[in-house]
Amino acid sequence: MSTEEKRKKAPETAVWYFVGATFAFALGPMLFSDGGPDRWQTVLSMILGAGLFISGCVVFAKERRLRREAQSKPVEDSDAPSGP
């Protein structure tokens, strides 16, 4: 498999962590904002959103590193003859 194919097939899953964090941040206060003194549901959804956001940042950094490594490696030309 060539380097270009590896770079194209690099996983792009970090975006789903960010989408999940967005839903956790938005839906938590909307669903649990009854104004009662016990707001532990809202706090819990904020903690969940922050955890998803941090996980997304870690996965995004890993994916960028893998893409950068695949891009920096020399391209192997499989059509070139290997002998003299």
C-alpha atoms as a PDB file:
ATOM      1  CA  MET A   1       0.000   0.000   0.000  1.00  0.00           C
ATOM      2  CA  SER A   2       1.497   3.347  -0.999  1.00  0.00           C
ATOM      3  CA  THR A   3       1.884   6.297   1.334  1.00  0.00           C
ATOM      4  CA  GLU A   4      -0.799   8.250  -0.507  1.00  0.00           C
ATOM      5  CA  GLU A   5      -3.278   5.406   0.021  1.00  0.00           C
ATOM      6  CA  LYS A   6      -2.387   5.238   3.717  1.00  0.00           C
ATOM      7  CA  ARG A   7      -2.939   8.970   4.066  1.00  0.00           C
ATOM      8  CA  LYS A   8      -6.296   8.730   2.307  1.00  0.00           C
ATOM      9  CA  LYS A   9      -7.346   5.817   4.520  1.00  0.00           C
ATOM     10  CA  ALA A  10      -6.300   7.539   7.752  1.00  0.00           C
ATOM     11  CA  PRO A  11      -9.150   7.379  10.249  1.00  0.00           C
ATOM     12  CA  GLU A  12     -11.146  10.529  10.812  1.00  0.00           C
ATOM     13  CA  THR A  13     -13.046   9.737  13.984  1.00  0.00           C
ATOM     14  CA  ALA A  14     -12.210  12.826  16.020  1.00  0.00           C
ATOM     15  CA  VAL A  15     -15.090  14.709  14.443  1.00  0.00           C
ATOM     16  CA  TRP A  16     -17.567  12.325  16.076  1.00  0.00           C
ATOM     17  CA  TYR A  17     -16.154  13.099  19.517  1.00  0.00           C
ATOM     18  CA  PHE A  18     -16.709  16.801  18.848  1.00  0.00           C
ATOM     19  CA  VAL A  19     -20.262  16.156  17.602  1.00  0.00           C
ATOM     20  CA  GLY A  20     -20.995  14.142  20.750  1.00  0.00           C
ATOM     21  CA  ALA A  21     -19.568  16.893  22.929  1.00  0.00           C
ATOM     22  CA  THR A  22     -21.753  19.447  21.167  1.00  0.00           C
ATOM     23  CA  PHE A  23     -24.871  17.392  21.836  1.00  0.00           C
ATOM     24  CA  ALA A  24     -23.876  16.827  25.461  1.00  0.00           C
ATOM     25  CA  PHE A  25     -23.293  20.551  25.995  1.00  0.00           C
ATOM     26  CA  ALA A  26     -26.513  21.588  24.232  1.00  0.00           C
ATOM     27  CA  LEU A  27     -29.007  18.919  25.223  1.00  0.00           C
ATOM     28  CA  GLY A  28     -28.060  18.660  28.892  1.00  0.00           C
ATOM     29  CA  PRO A  29     -29.156  22.154  29.888  1.00  0.00           C
ATOM     30  CA  MET A  30     -32.178  22.036  27.552  1.00  0.00           C
ATOM     31  CA  LEU A  31     -33.523  18.799  28.997  1.00  0.00           C
ATOM     32  CA  PHE A  32     -32.649  19.343  32.649  1.00  0.00           C
ATOM     33  CA  SER A  33     -33.124  23.099  33.133  1.00  0.00           C
ATOM     34  CA  ASP A  34     -36.219  22.946  35.304  1.00  0.00           C
ATOM     35  CA  GLY A  35     -34.799  25.585  37.652  1.00  0.00           C
ATOM     36  CA  GLY A  36     -34.791  23.277  40.656  1.00  0.00           C
ATOM     37  CA  PRO A  37     -32.120  23.380  43.334  1.00  0.00           C
ATOM     38  CA  ASP A  38     -30.801  19.975  42.291  1.00  0.00           C
ATOM     39  CA  ARG A  39     -28.957  20.710  39.075  1.00  0.00           C
ATOM     40  CA  TRP A  40     -26.744  17.628  39.171  1.00  0.00           C
ATOM     41  CA  GLN A  41     -28.044  16.473  35.752  1.00  0.00           C
ATOM     42  CA  THR A  42     -26.835  19.668  34.102  1.00  0.00           C
ATOM     43  CA  VAL A  43     -23.470  19.455  35.832  1.00  0.00           C
ATOM     44  CA  LEU A  44     -23.174  15.810  34.813  1.00  0.00           C
ATOM     45  CA  SER A  45     -23.913  16.635  31.161  1.00  0.00           C
ATOM     46  CA  MET A  46     -21.297  19.418  31.247  1.00  0.00           C
ATOM     47  CA  ILE A  47     -18.728  16.988  32.645  1.00  0.00           C
ATOM     48  CA  LEU A  48     -19.657  14.454  29.953  1.00  0.00           C
ATOM     49  CA  GLY A  49     -19.336  17.123  27.249  1.00  0.00           C
ATOM     50  CA  ALA A  50     -15.949  18.225  28.577  1.00  0.00           C
ATOM     51  CA  GLY A  51     -14.751  14.607  28.650  1.00  0.00           C
ATOM     52  CA  LEU A  52     -15.856  14.054  25.072  1.00  0.00           C
ATOM     53  CA  PHE A  53     -14.204  17.294  23.989  1.00  0.00           C
ATOM     54  CA  ILE A  54     -10.890  16.385  25.624  1.00  0.00           C
ATOM     55  CA  SER A  55     -11.056  12.878  24.133  1.00  0.00           C
ATOM     56  CA  GLY A  56     -11.707  14.419  20.727  1.00  0.00           C
ATOM     57  CA  CYS A  57      -8.643  16.639  21.103  1.00  0.00           C
ATOM     58  CA  VAL A  58      -6.468  13.628  21.965  1.00  0.00           C
ATOM     59  CA  VAL A  59      -7.791  11.583  19.029  1.00  0.00           C
ATOM     60  CA  PHE A  60      -7.418  14.567  16.684  1.00  0.00           C
ATOM     61  CA  ALA A  61      -3.775  15.028  17.700  1.00  0.00           C
ATOM     62  CA  LYS A  62      -3.121  11.322  17.146  1.00  0.00           C
ATOM     63  CA  GLU A  63      -4.740  11.403  13.697  1.00  0.00           C
ATOM     64  CA  ARG A  64      -2.736  14.482  12.679  1.00  0.00           C
ATOM     65  CA  ARG A  65       0.491  12.810  13.830  1.00  0.00           C
ATOM     66  CA  LEU A  66      -0.306   9.674  11.812  1.00  0.00           C
ATOM     67  CA  ARG A  67      -1.092  11.747   8.703  1.00  0.00           C
ATOM     68  CA  ARG A  68       2.085  13.785   9.126  1.00  0.00           C
ATOM     69  CA  GLU A  69       4.182  10.604   9.478  1.00  0.00           C
ATOM     70  CA  ALA A  70       2.578   9.085   6.398  1.00  0.00           C
ATOM     71  CA  GLN A  71       3.182  12.287   4.462  1.00  0.00           C
ATOM     72  CA  SER A  72       6.832  12.614   5.494  1.00  0.00           C
ATOM     73  CA  LYS A  73       7.770   9.077   4.477  1.00  0.00           C
ATOM     74  CA  PRO A  74       9.205   8.758   0.967  1.00  0.00           C
ATOM     75  CA  VAL A  75       6.738   7.586  -1.627  1.00  0.00           C
ATOM     76  CA  GLU A  76       7.389   4.015  -2.685  1.00  0.00           C
ATOM     77  CA  ASP A  77       6.957   3.629  -6.410  1.00  0.00           C
ATOM     78  CA  SER A  78       5.755   0.089  -7.028  1.00  0.00           C
ATOM     79  CA  ASP A  79       6.083   0.435 -10.827  1.00  0.00           C
ATOM     80  CA  ALA A  80       9.793   1.185 -10.749  1.00  0.00           C
ATOM     81  CA  PRO A  81      12.134  -1.743 -11.418  1.00  0.00           C
ATOM     82  CA  SER A  82      13.945  -2.994  -8.337  1.00  0.00           C
ATOM     83  CA  GLY A  83      16.993  -4.442 -10.062  1.00  0.00           C
ATOM     84  CA  PRO A  84      19.915  -2.976 -12.060  1.00  0.00           C
END
